Amino acid sequence: MFVVVNKFLLAKHFDGVVLWPFIVVKRAELKEDAVFMNHERIHLKQQVELLLIFFFVWYFFEYFIRLLKYGDSYKAYNRICFEREAYANERNLGYRERRPFWNFLNYL
């Protein structure tokens, strides 16, 4: 895993994105935020489980389905199963070690 700081790669409402094996963050101080980094590392694990390409196909498919359902991009993003799992467990710093395989399915 590599952490890259680059404020130009991210849209204005995003502080970080995971593109395995990289975590791209908007500001250097985010690298020291344990909760934020745990959230992003949960996404790393999800991407590996779905062999990267299937993660992104699923992510964007689910986003567009939820966008059609809610008509709101923020709501659609927050309802994606990968985001729901990451937000629900970001404060649990030991979660990734105990996380069951494909646990994001519990957040559909």
PDB file of N, CA and C in Angstrom:
ATOM      1  N   MET A   1       0.837  -1.175   0.000  1.00  0.00           N
ATOM      2  CA  MET A   1       0.000   0.000   0.000  1.00  0.00           C
ATOM      3  C   MET A   1       0.885   1.243   0.000  1.00  0.00           C
ATOM      4  N   PHE A   2       0.531   2.190  -0.855  1.00  0.00           N
ATOM      5  CA  PHE A   2       1.251   3.451  -0.963  1.00  0.00           C
ATOM      6  C   PHE A   2       0.271   4.594  -0.756  1.00  0.00           C
ATOM      7  N   VAL A   3       0.675   5.597   0.000  1.00  0.00           N
ATOM      8  CA  VAL A   3      -0.164   6.774   0.206  1.00  0.00           C
ATOM      9  C   VAL A   3       0.449   7.921  -0.576  1.00  0.00           C
ATOM     10  N   VAL A   4      -0.366   8.533  -1.436  1.00  0.00           N
ATOM     11  CA  VAL A   4       0.059   9.631  -2.291  1.00  0.00           C
ATOM     12  C   VAL A   4      -0.760  10.860  -1.937  1.00  0.00           C
ATOM     13  N   VAL A   5      -0.116  11.999  -1.789  1.00  0.00           N
ATOM     14  CA  VAL A   5      -0.811  13.260  -1.533  1.00  0.00           C
ATOM     15  C   VAL A   5      -0.879  14.024  -2.847  1.00  0.00           C
ATOM     16  N   ASN A   6      -2.110  14.307  -3.289  1.00  0.00           N
ATOM     17  CA  ASN A   6      -2.300  15.058  -4.523  1.00  0.00           C
ATOM     18  C   ASN A   6      -3.686  15.691  -4.504  1.00  0.00           C
ATOM     19  N   LYS A   7      -3.741  17.004  -4.343  1.00  0.00           N
ATOM     20  CA  LYS A   7      -5.036  17.682  -4.253  1.00  0.00           C
ATOM     21  C   LYS A   7      -5.713  17.855  -5.612  1.00  0.00           C
ATOM     22  N   PHE A   8      -4.998  17.609  -6.688  1.00  0.00           N
ATOM     23  CA  PHE A   8      -5.565  17.830  -8.017  1.00  0.00           C
ATOM     24  C   PHE A   8      -6.295  16.617  -8.583  1.00  0.00           C
ATOM     25  N   LEU A   9      -6.050  15.436  -8.047  1.00  0.00           N
ATOM     26  CA  LEU A   9      -6.686  14.219  -8.562  1.00  0.00           C
ATOM     27  C   LEU A   9      -8.096  14.009  -8.046  1.00  0.00           C
ATOM     28  N   LEU A  10      -8.464  14.738  -7.004  1.00  0.00           N
ATOM     29  CA  LEU A  10      -9.739  14.484  -6.348  1.00  0.00           C
ATOM     30  C   LEU A  10     -10.735  15.610  -6.573  1.00  0.00           C
ATOM     31  N   ALA A  11     -11.992  15.220  -6.721  1.00  0.00           N
ATOM     32  CA  ALA A  11     -13.063  16.209  -6.821  1.00  0.00           C
ATOM     33  C   ALA A  11     -13.146  16.983  -5.510  1.00  0.00           C
ATOM     34  N   LYS A  12     -13.759  18.146  -5.547  1.00  0.00           N
ATOM     35  CA  LYS A  12     -13.737  19.027  -4.380  1.00  0.00           C
ATOM     36  C   LYS A  12     -14.387  18.431  -3.133  1.00  0.00           C
ATOM     37  N   HIS A  13     -15.303  17.500  -3.270  1.00  0.00           N
ATOM     38  CA  HIS A  13     -16.002  16.937  -2.111  1.00  0.00           C
ATOM     39  C   HIS A  13     -15.340  15.670  -1.574  1.00  0.00           C
ATOM     40  N   PHE A  14     -14.226  15.256  -2.160  1.00  0.00           N
ATOM     41  CA  PHE A  14     -13.563  14.023  -1.740  1.00  0.00           C
ATOM     42  C   PHE A  14     -12.198  14.318  -1.145  1.00  0.00           C
ATOM     43  N   ASP A  15     -11.919  13.684  -0.010  1.00  0.00           N
ATOM     44  CA  ASP A  15     -10.620  13.837   0.640  1.00  0.00           C
ATOM     45  C   ASP A  15      -9.679  12.701   0.298  1.00  0.00           C
ATOM     46  N   GLY A  16     -10.220  11.587  -0.185  1.00  0.00           N
ATOM     47  CA  GLY A  16      -9.372  10.453  -0.517  1.00  0.00           C
ATOM     48  C   GLY A  16     -10.050   9.509  -1.478  1.00  0.00           C
ATOM     49  N   VAL A  17      -9.217   8.725  -2.151  1.00  0.00           N
ATOM     50  CA  VAL A  17      -9.715   7.688  -3.054  1.00  0.00           C
ATOM     51  C   VAL A  17      -8.693   6.558  -3.036  1.00  0.00           C
ATOM     52  N   VAL A  18      -9.197   5.347  -3.208  1.00  0.00           N
ATOM     53  CA  VAL A  18      -8.326   4.176  -3.242  1.00  0.00           C
ATOM     54  C   VAL A  18      -8.316   3.632  -4.652  1.00  0.00           C
ATOM     55  N   LEU A  19      -7.134   3.510  -5.185  1.00  0.00           N
ATOM     56  CA  LEU A  19      -6.899   2.880  -6.484  1.00  0.00           C
ATOM     57  C   LEU A  19      -5.771   1.891  -6.243  1.00  0.00           C
ATOM     58  N   TRP A  20      -6.139   0.672  -5.858  1.00  0.00           N
ATOM     59  CA  TRP A  20      -5.170  -0.309  -5.404  1.00  0.00           C
ATOM     60  C   TRP A  20      -3.942  -0.305  -6.287  1.00  0.00           C
ATOM     61  N   PRO A  21      -2.760  -0.253  -5.708  1.00  0.00           N
ATOM     62  CA  PRO A  21      -2.364  -0.310  -4.306  1.00  0.00           C
ATOM     63  C   PRO A  21      -2.158   1.070  -3.688  1.00  0.00           C
ATOM     64  N   PHE A  22      -2.745   2.095  -4.293  1.00  0.00           N
ATOM     65  CA  PHE A  22      -2.537   3.469  -3.829  1.00  0.00           C
ATOM     66  C   PHE A  22      -3.747   3.993  -3.064  1.00  0.00           C
ATOM     67  N   ILE A  23      -3.453   4.765  -2.037  1.00  0.00           N
ATOM     68  CA  ILE A  23      -4.456   5.596  -1.390  1.00  0.00           C
ATOM     69  C   ILE A  23      -4.040   7.027  -1.712  1.00  0.00           C
ATOM     70  N   VAL A  24      -4.900   7.742  -2.401  1.00  0.00           N
ATOM     71  CA  VAL A  24      -4.615   9.127  -2.768  1.00  0.00           C
ATOM     72  C   VAL A  24      -5.389  10.024  -1.809  1.00  0.00           C
ATOM     73  N   VAL A  25      -4.681  10.923  -1.146  1.00  0.00           N
ATOM     74  CA  VAL A  25      -5.311  11.842  -0.206  1.00  0.00           C
ATOM     75  C   VAL A  25      -5.083  13.272  -0.654  1.00  0.00           C
ATOM     76  N   LYS A  26      -6.022  14.120  -0.305  1.00  0.00           N
ATOM     77  CA  LYS A  26      -5.964  15.515  -0.728  1.00  0.00           C
ATOM     78  C   LYS A  26      -4.949  16.323   0.085  1.00  0.00           C
ATOM     79  N   ARG A  27      -4.820  15.996   1.375  1.00  0.00           N
ATOM     80  CA  ARG A  27      -3.926  16.760   2.264  1.00  0.00           C
ATOM     81  C   ARG A  27      -3.032  15.808   3.054  1.00  0.00           C
ATOM     82  N   ALA A  28      -1.796  16.181   3.269  1.00  0.00           N
ATOM     83  CA  ALA A  28      -0.812  15.327   3.948  1.00  0.00           C
ATOM     84  C   ALA A  28      -1.260  14.939   5.356  1.00  0.00           C
ATOM     85  N   GLU A  29      -1.933  15.824   6.063  1.00  0.00           N
ATOM     86  CA  GLU A  29      -2.326  15.507   7.445  1.00  0.00           C
ATOM     87  C   GLU A  29      -3.328  14.355   7.518  1.00  0.00           C
ATOM     88  N   LEU A  30      -4.012  14.057   6.426  1.00  0.00           N
ATOM     89  CA  LEU A  30      -4.953  12.934   6.420  1.00  0.00           C
ATOM     90  C   LEU A  30      -4.232  11.600   6.596  1.00  0.00           C
ATOM     91  N   LYS A  31      -2.963  11.537   6.242  1.00  0.00           N
ATOM     92  CA  LYS A  31      -2.188  10.309   6.427  1.00  0.00           C
ATOM     93  C   LYS A  31      -2.059   9.948   7.904  1.00  0.00           C
ATOM     94  N   GLU A  32      -2.186  10.946   8.779  1.00  0.00           N
ATOM     95  CA  GLU A  32      -2.065  10.726  10.225  1.00  0.00           C
ATOM     96  C   GLU A  32      -3.411  10.493  10.906  1.00  0.00           C
ATOM     97  N   ASP A  33      -4.494  10.615  10.170  1.00  0.00           N
ATOM     98  CA  ASP A  33      -5.839  10.425  10.709  1.00  0.00           C
ATOM     99  C   ASP A  33      -6.175   8.930  10.667  1.00  0.00           C
ATOM    100  N   ALA A  34      -6.092   8.266  11.821  1.00  0.00           N
ATOM    101  CA  ALA A  34      -6.256   6.812  11.891  1.00  0.00           C
ATOM    102  C   ALA A  34      -7.625   6.348  11.397  1.00  0.00           C
ATOM    103  N   VAL A  35      -8.680   7.085  11.730  1.00  0.00           N
ATOM    104  CA  VAL A  35     -10.031   6.707  11.314  1.00  0.00           C
ATOM    105  C   VAL A  35     -10.176   6.843   9.800  1.00  0.00           C
ATOM    106  N   PHE A  36      -9.727   7.965   9.261  1.00  0.00           N
ATOM    107  CA  PHE A  36      -9.788   8.192   7.813  1.00  0.00           C
ATOM    108  C   PHE A  36      -9.011   7.103   7.063  1.00  0.00           C
ATOM    109  N   MET A  37      -7.789   6.818   7.521  1.00  0.00           N
ATOM    110  CA  MET A  37      -6.957   5.832   6.840  1.00  0.00           C
ATOM    111  C   MET A  37      -7.542   4.431   6.979  1.00  0.00           C
ATOM    112  N   ASN A  38      -8.179   4.127   8.103  1.00  0.00           N
ATOM    113  CA  ASN A  38      -8.829   2.829   8.253  1.00  0.00           C
ATOM    114  C   ASN A  38      -9.967   2.688   7.249  1.00  0.00           C
ATOM    115  N   HIS A  39     -10.747   3.732   7.066  1.00  0.00           N
ATOM    116  CA  HIS A  39     -11.826   3.734   6.072  1.00  0.00           C
ATOM    117  C   HIS A  39     -11.261   3.394   4.695  1.00  0.00           C
ATOM    118  N   GLU A  40     -10.183   4.058   4.328  1.00  0.00           N
ATOM    119  CA  GLU A  40      -9.588   3.841   3.005  1.00  0.00           C
ATOM    120  C   GLU A  40      -8.985   2.444   2.897  1.00  0.00           C
ATOM    121  N   ARG A  41      -8.403   1.945   3.969  1.00  0.00           N
ATOM    122  CA  ARG A  41      -7.823   0.594   3.951  1.00  0.00           C
ATOM    123  C   ARG A  41      -8.903  -0.484   3.854  1.00  0.00           C
ATOM    124  N   ILE A  42     -10.078  -0.214   4.381  1.00  0.00           N
ATOM    125  CA  ILE A  42     -11.203  -1.138   4.197  1.00  0.00           C
ATOM    126  C   ILE A  42     -11.515  -1.239   2.707  1.00  0.00           C
ATOM    127  N   HIS A  43     -11.485  -0.110   2.012  1.00  0.00           N
ATOM    128  CA  HIS A  43     -11.705  -0.134   0.560  1.00  0.00           C
ATOM    129  C   HIS A  43     -10.610  -0.924  -0.154  1.00  0.00           C
ATOM    130  N   LEU A  44      -9.371  -0.827   0.310  1.00  0.00           N
ATOM    131  CA  LEU A  44      -8.296  -1.634  -0.286  1.00  0.00           C
ATOM    132  C   LEU A  44      -8.638  -3.118  -0.202  1.00  0.00           C
ATOM    133  N   LYS A  45      -9.109  -3.533   0.950  1.00  0.00           N
ATOM    134  CA  LYS A  45      -9.457  -4.940   1.152  1.00  0.00           C
ATOM    135  C   LYS A  45     -10.622  -5.348   0.235  1.00  0.00           C
ATOM    136  N   GLN A  46     -11.612  -4.482   0.109  1.00  0.00           N
ATOM    137  CA  GLN A  46     -12.749  -4.754  -0.775  1.00  0.00           C
ATOM    138  C   GLN A  46     -12.270  -4.895  -2.224  1.00  0.00           C
ATOM    139  N   GLN A  47     -11.373  -4.024  -2.643  1.00  0.00           N
ATOM    140  CA  GLN A  47     -10.878  -4.067  -4.017  1.00  0.00           C
ATOM    141  C   GLN A  47     -10.125  -5.361  -4.300  1.00  0.00           C
ATOM    142  N   VAL A  48      -9.312  -5.800  -3.351  1.00  0.00           N
ATOM    143  CA  VAL A  48      -8.571  -7.052  -3.525  1.00  0.00           C
ATOM    144  C   VAL A  48      -9.534  -8.228  -3.624  1.00  0.00           C
ATOM    145  N   GLU A  49     -10.558  -8.242  -2.781  1.00  0.00           N
ATOM    146  CA  GLU A  49     -11.540  -9.335  -2.791  1.00  0.00           C
ATOM    147  C   GLU A  49     -12.260  -9.447  -4.129  1.00  0.00           C
ATOM    148  N   LEU A  50     -12.484  -8.325  -4.764  1.00  0.00           N
ATOM    149  CA  LEU A  50     -13.216  -8.325  -6.032  1.00  0.00           C
ATOM    150  C   LEU A  50     -12.287  -8.171  -7.243  1.00  0.00           C
ATOM    151  N   LEU A  51     -11.014  -8.441  -7.024  1.00  0.00           N
ATOM    152  CA  LEU A  51     -10.032  -8.425  -8.113  1.00  0.00           C
ATOM    153  C   LEU A  51     -10.015  -7.092  -8.853  1.00  0.00           C
ATOM    154  N   LEU A  52     -10.157  -6.043  -8.136  1.00  0.00           N
ATOM    155  CA  LEU A  52     -10.081  -4.657  -8.573  1.00  0.00           C
ATOM    156  C   LEU A  52     -11.133  -4.266  -9.612  1.00  0.00           C
ATOM    157  N   ILE A  53     -11.104  -4.848 -10.773  1.00  0.00           N
ATOM    158  CA  ILE A  53     -12.010  -4.432 -11.857  1.00  0.00           C
ATOM    159  C   ILE A  53     -13.473  -4.654 -11.467  1.00  0.00           C
ATOM    160  N   PHE A  54     -13.768  -5.774 -10.818  1.00  0.00           N
ATOM    161  CA  PHE A  54     -15.147  -6.050 -10.433  1.00  0.00           C
ATOM    162  C   PHE A  54     -15.614  -5.104  -9.330  1.00  0.00           C
ATOM    163  N   PHE A  55     -14.683  -4.650  -8.494  1.00  0.00           N
ATOM    164  CA  PHE A  55     -15.022  -3.655  -7.475  1.00  0.00           C
ATOM    165  C   PHE A  55     -15.553  -2.387  -8.144  1.00  0.00           C
ATOM    166  N   PHE A  56     -14.821  -1.887  -9.133  1.00  0.00           N
ATOM    167  CA  PHE A  56     -15.221  -0.635  -9.778  1.00  0.00           C
ATOM    168  C   PHE A  56     -16.485  -0.793 -10.615  1.00  0.00           C
ATOM    169  N   VAL A  57     -16.635  -1.927 -11.275  1.00  0.00           N
ATOM    170  CA  VAL A  57     -17.869  -2.176 -12.025  1.00  0.00           C
ATOM    171  C   VAL A  57     -19.058  -2.167 -11.068  1.00  0.00           C
ATOM    172  N   TRP A  58     -18.948  -2.904  -9.974  1.00  0.00           N
ATOM    173  CA  TRP A  58     -20.021  -2.982  -8.979  1.00  0.00           C
ATOM    174  C   TRP A  58     -20.280  -1.606  -8.372  1.00  0.00           C
ATOM    175  N   TYR A  59     -19.187  -0.917  -7.971  1.00  0.00           N
ATOM    176  CA  TYR A  59     -19.296   0.387  -7.312  1.00  0.00           C
ATOM    177  C   TYR A  59     -20.098   1.366  -8.178  1.00  0.00           C
ATOM    178  N   PHE A  60     -19.703   1.495  -9.436  1.00  0.00           N
ATOM    179  CA  PHE A  60     -20.383   2.469 -10.303  1.00  0.00           C
ATOM    180  C   PHE A  60     -21.783   2.016 -10.691  1.00  0.00           C
ATOM    181  N   PHE A  61     -21.981   0.724 -10.867  1.00  0.00           N
ATOM    182  CA  PHE A  61     -23.324   0.219 -11.160  1.00  0.00           C
ATOM    183  C   PHE A  61     -24.259   0.520  -9.994  1.00  0.00           C
ATOM    184  N   GLU A  62     -23.800   0.200  -8.784  1.00  0.00           N
ATOM    185  CA  GLU A  62     -24.638   0.455  -7.607  1.00  0.00           C
ATOM    186  C   GLU A  62     -24.874   1.954  -7.422  1.00  0.00           C
ATOM    187  N   TYR A  63     -23.852   2.762  -7.673  1.00  0.00           N
ATOM    188  CA  TYR A  63     -24.014   4.210  -7.552  1.00  0.00           C
ATOM    189  C   TYR A  63     -25.111   4.710  -8.505  1.00  0.00           C
ATOM    190  N   PHE A  64     -25.075   4.282  -9.758  1.00  0.00           N
ATOM    191  CA  PHE A  64     -26.063   4.769 -10.723  1.00  0.00           C
ATOM    192  C   PHE A  64     -27.467   4.256 -10.425  1.00  0.00           C
ATOM    193  N   ILE A  65     -27.582   3.032  -9.950  1.00  0.00           N
ATOM    194  CA  ILE A  65     -28.894   2.507  -9.554  1.00  0.00           C
ATOM    195  C   ILE A  65     -29.458   3.347  -8.407  1.00  0.00           C
ATOM    196  N   ARG A  66     -28.611   3.631  -7.421  1.00  0.00           N
ATOM    197  CA  ARG A  66     -29.063   4.418  -6.270  1.00  0.00           C
ATOM    198  C   ARG A  66     -29.307   5.880  -6.650  1.00  0.00           C
ATOM    199  N   LEU A  67     -28.559   6.380  -7.599  1.00  0.00           N
ATOM    200  CA  LEU A  67     -28.797   7.739  -8.086  1.00  0.00           C
ATOM    201  C   LEU A  67     -30.168   7.827  -8.749  1.00  0.00           C
ATOM    202  N   LEU A  68     -30.515   6.828  -9.520  1.00  0.00           N
ATOM    203  CA  LEU A  68     -31.853   6.793 -10.125  1.00  0.00           C
ATOM    204  C   LEU A  68     -32.932   6.695  -9.046  1.00  0.00           C
ATOM    205  N   LYS A  69     -32.671   5.890  -8.027  1.00  0.00           N
ATOM    206  CA  LYS A  69     -33.655   5.695  -6.961  1.00  0.00           C
ATOM    207  C   LYS A  69     -33.853   6.951  -6.123  1.00  0.00           C
ATOM    208  N   TYR A  70     -32.750   7.600  -5.708  1.00  0.00           N
ATOM    209  CA  TYR A  70     -32.831   8.729  -4.780  1.00  0.00           C
ATOM    210  C   TYR A  70     -32.793  10.092  -5.460  1.00  0.00           C
ATOM    211  N   GLY A  71     -32.277  10.158  -6.680  1.00  0.00           N
ATOM    212  CA  GLY A  71     -32.187  11.438  -7.375  1.00  0.00           C
ATOM    213  C   GLY A  71     -31.229  12.419  -6.713  1.00  0.00           C
ATOM    214  N   ASP A  72     -30.306  11.908  -5.920  1.00  0.00           N
ATOM    215  CA  ASP A  72     -29.380  12.755  -5.167  1.00  0.00           C
ATOM    216  C   ASP A  72     -28.021  12.050  -5.140  1.00  0.00           C
ATOM    217  N   SER A  73     -26.985  12.699  -5.653  1.00  0.00           N
ATOM    218  CA  SER A  73     -25.677  12.053  -5.761  1.00  0.00           C
ATOM    219  C   SER A  73     -25.057  11.740  -4.398  1.00  0.00           C
ATOM    220  N   TYR A  74     -25.264  12.614  -3.422  1.00  0.00           N
ATOM    221  CA  TYR A  74     -24.709  12.373  -2.088  1.00  0.00           C
ATOM    222  C   TYR A  74     -25.382  11.171  -1.432  1.00  0.00           C
ATOM    223  N   LYS A  75     -26.708  11.087  -1.528  1.00  0.00           N
ATOM    224  CA  LYS A  75     -27.432   9.940  -0.978  1.00  0.00           C
ATOM    225  C   LYS A  75     -27.020   8.661  -1.689  1.00  0.00           C
ATOM    226  N   ALA A  76     -26.885   8.736  -3.001  1.00  0.00           N
ATOM    227  CA  ALA A  76     -26.487   7.555  -3.776  1.00  0.00           C
ATOM    228  C   ALA A  76     -25.124   7.057  -3.323  1.00  0.00           C
ATOM    229  N   TYR A  77     -24.171   7.956  -3.163  1.00  0.00           N
ATOM    230  CA  TYR A  77     -22.823   7.605  -2.700  1.00  0.00           C
ATOM    231  C   TYR A  77     -22.874   6.969  -1.315  1.00  0.00           C
ATOM    232  N   ASN A  78     -23.623   7.551  -0.401  1.00  0.00           N
ATOM    233  CA  ASN A  78     -23.690   7.046   0.966  1.00  0.00           C
ATOM    234  C   ASN A  78     -24.419   5.718   1.097  1.00  0.00           C
ATOM    235  N   ARG A  79     -25.182   5.325   0.094  1.00  0.00           N
ATOM    236  CA  ARG A  79     -25.928   4.065   0.146  1.00  0.00           C
ATOM    237  C   ARG A  79     -25.189   2.916  -0.547  1.00  0.00           C
ATOM    238  N   ILE A  80     -24.052   3.176  -1.165  1.00  0.00           N
ATOM    239  CA  ILE A  80     -23.264   2.112  -1.798  1.00  0.00           C
ATOM    240  C   ILE A  80     -22.784   1.162  -0.702  1.00  0.00           C
ATOM    241  N   CYS A  81     -22.924  -0.115  -0.914  1.00  0.00           N
ATOM    242  CA  CYS A  81     -22.588  -1.094   0.132  1.00  0.00           C
ATOM    243  C   CYS A  81     -21.133  -0.979   0.588  1.00  0.00           C
ATOM    244  N   PHE A  82     -20.216  -0.684  -0.305  1.00  0.00           N
ATOM    245  CA  PHE A  82     -18.807  -0.551   0.072  1.00  0.00           C
ATOM    246  C   PHE A  82     -18.600   0.636   1.018  1.00  0.00           C
ATOM    247  N   GLU A  83     -19.289   1.730   0.733  1.00  0.00           N
ATOM    248  CA  GLU A  83     -19.182   2.912   1.597  1.00  0.00           C
ATOM    249  C   GLU A  83     -19.865   2.667   2.935  1.00  0.00           C
ATOM    250  N   ARG A  84     -21.001   2.005   2.903  1.00  0.00           N
ATOM    251  CA  ARG A  84     -21.710   1.722   4.154  1.00  0.00           C
ATOM    252  C   ARG A  84     -20.849   0.870   5.085  1.00  0.00           C
ATOM    253  N   GLU A  85     -20.196  -0.154   4.524  1.00  0.00           N
ATOM    254  CA  GLU A  85     -19.321  -0.983   5.354  1.00  0.00           C
ATOM    255  C   GLU A  85     -18.154  -0.166   5.901  1.00  0.00           C
ATOM    256  N   ALA A  86     -17.517   0.629   5.045  1.00  0.00           N
ATOM    257  CA  ALA A  86     -16.352   1.407   5.467  1.00  0.00           C
ATOM    258  C   ALA A  86     -16.728   2.443   6.528  1.00  0.00           C
ATOM    259  N   TYR A  87     -17.821   3.165   6.327  1.00  0.00           N
ATOM    260  CA  TYR A  87     -18.239   4.155   7.327  1.00  0.00           C
ATOM    261  C   TYR A  87     -18.667   3.496   8.637  1.00  0.00           C
ATOM    262  N   ALA A  88     -19.341   2.367   8.559  1.00  0.00           N
ATOM    263  CA  ALA A  88     -19.818   1.696   9.771  1.00  0.00           C
ATOM    264  C   ALA A  88     -18.671   1.170  10.631  1.00  0.00           C
ATOM    265  N   ASN A  89     -17.531   0.901  10.012  1.00  0.00           N
ATOM    266  CA  ASN A  89     -16.439   0.259  10.736  1.00  0.00           C
ATOM    267  C   ASN A  89     -15.148   1.061  10.782  1.00  0.00           C
ATOM    268  N   GLU A  90     -15.163   2.295  10.301  1.00  0.00           N
ATOM    269  CA  GLU A  90     -13.927   3.071  10.226  1.00  0.00           C
ATOM    270  C   GLU A  90     -13.320   3.370  11.597  1.00  0.00           C
ATOM    271  N   ARG A  91     -14.114   3.457  12.624  1.00  0.00           N
ATOM    272  CA  ARG A  91     -13.598   3.747  13.970  1.00  0.00           C
ATOM    273  C   ARG A  91     -13.078   2.495  14.684  1.00  0.00           C
ATOM    274  N   ASN A  92     -13.399   1.348  14.154  1.00  0.00           N
ATOM    275  CA  ASN A  92     -12.931   0.077  14.705  1.00  0.00           C
ATOM    276  C   ASN A  92     -11.600  -0.264  14.021  1.00  0.00           C
ATOM    277  N   LEU A  93     -10.505   0.138  14.636  1.00  0.00           N
ATOM    278  CA  LEU A  93      -9.194   0.021  13.993  1.00  0.00           C
ATOM    279  C   LEU A  93      -8.724  -1.424  13.847  1.00  0.00           C
ATOM    280  N   GLY A  94      -9.359  -2.360  14.519  1.00  0.00           N
ATOM    281  CA  GLY A  94      -9.025  -3.769  14.363  1.00  0.00           C
ATOM    282  C   GLY A  94      -9.953  -4.507  13.417  1.00  0.00           C
ATOM    283  N   TYR A  95     -10.872  -3.789  12.816  1.00  0.00           N
ATOM    284  CA  TYR A  95     -11.898  -4.410  11.968  1.00  0.00           C
ATOM    285  C   TYR A  95     -11.313  -5.189  10.803  1.00  0.00           C
ATOM    286  N   ARG A  96     -10.351  -4.639  10.120  1.00  0.00           N
ATOM    287  CA  ARG A  96      -9.825  -5.280   8.909  1.00  0.00           C
ATOM    288  C   ARG A  96      -9.231  -6.656   9.198  1.00  0.00           C
ATOM    289  N   GLU A  97      -8.644  -6.821  10.371  1.00  0.00           N
ATOM    290  CA  GLU A  97      -8.048  -8.114  10.711  1.00  0.00           C
ATOM    291  C   GLU A  97      -9.102  -9.182  11.000  1.00  0.00           C
ATOM    292  N   ARG A  98     -10.268  -8.767  11.476  1.00  0.00           N
ATOM    293  CA  ARG A  98     -11.336  -9.715  11.841  1.00  0.00           C
ATOM    294  C   ARG A  98     -12.462  -9.753  10.815  1.00  0.00           C
ATOM    295  N   ARG A  99     -12.389  -8.934   9.820  1.00  0.00           N
ATOM    296  CA  ARG A  99     -13.462  -8.786   8.835  1.00  0.00           C
ATOM    297  C   ARG A  99     -13.663 -10.068   8.021  1.00  0.00           C
ATOM    298  N   PRO A 100     -14.904 -10.576   7.982  1.00  0.00           N
ATOM    299  CA  PRO A 100     -15.176 -11.746   7.144  1.00  0.00           C
ATOM    300  C   PRO A 100     -15.049 -11.405   5.653  1.00  0.00           C
ATOM    301  N   PHE A 101     -14.677 -12.389   4.880  1.00  0.00           N
ATOM    302  CA  PHE A 101     -14.544 -12.248   3.429  1.00  0.00           C
ATOM    303  C   PHE A 101     -15.865 -11.785   2.824  1.00  0.00           C
ATOM    304  N   TRP A 102     -15.816 -10.836   1.926  1.00  0.00           N
ATOM    305  CA  TRP A 102     -16.968 -10.258   1.235  1.00  0.00           C
ATOM    306  C   TRP A 102     -18.030  -9.737   2.214  1.00  0.00           C
ATOM    307  N   ASN A 103     -17.603  -9.160   3.314  1.00  0.00           N
ATOM    308  CA  ASN A 103     -18.542  -8.665   4.316  1.00  0.00           C
ATOM    309  C   ASN A 103     -19.391  -7.501   3.814  1.00  0.00           C
ATOM    310  N   PHE A 104     -18.964  -6.848   2.740  1.00  0.00           N
ATOM    311  CA  PHE A 104     -19.759  -5.745   2.172  1.00  0.00           C
ATOM    312  C   PHE A 104     -21.143  -6.207   1.772  1.00  0.00           C
ATOM    313  N   LEU A 105     -21.315  -7.505   1.507  1.00  0.00           N
ATOM    314  CA  LEU A 105     -22.642  -8.010   1.126  1.00  0.00           C
ATOM    315  C   LEU A 105     -23.671  -7.807   2.228  1.00  0.00           C
ATOM    316  N   ASN A 106     -23.227  -7.729   3.452  1.00  0.00           N
ATOM    317  CA  ASN A 106     -24.146  -7.478   4.571  1.00  0.00           C
ATOM    318  C   ASN A 106     -24.665  -6.052   4.579  1.00  0.00           C
ATOM    319  N   TYR A 107     -24.150  -5.204   3.714  1.00  0.00           N
ATOM    320  CA  TYR A 107     -24.533  -3.789   3.682  1.00  0.00           C
ATOM    321  C   TYR A 107     -25.342  -3.431   2.433  1.00  0.00           C
ATOM    322  N   LEU A 108     -25.772  -4.438   1.694  1.00  0.00           N
ATOM    323  CA  LEU A 108     -26.601  -4.187   0.509  1.00  0.00           C
ATOM    324  C   LEU A 108     -27.974  -3.681   0.902  1.00  0.00           C
TER     325      LEU A 108
END
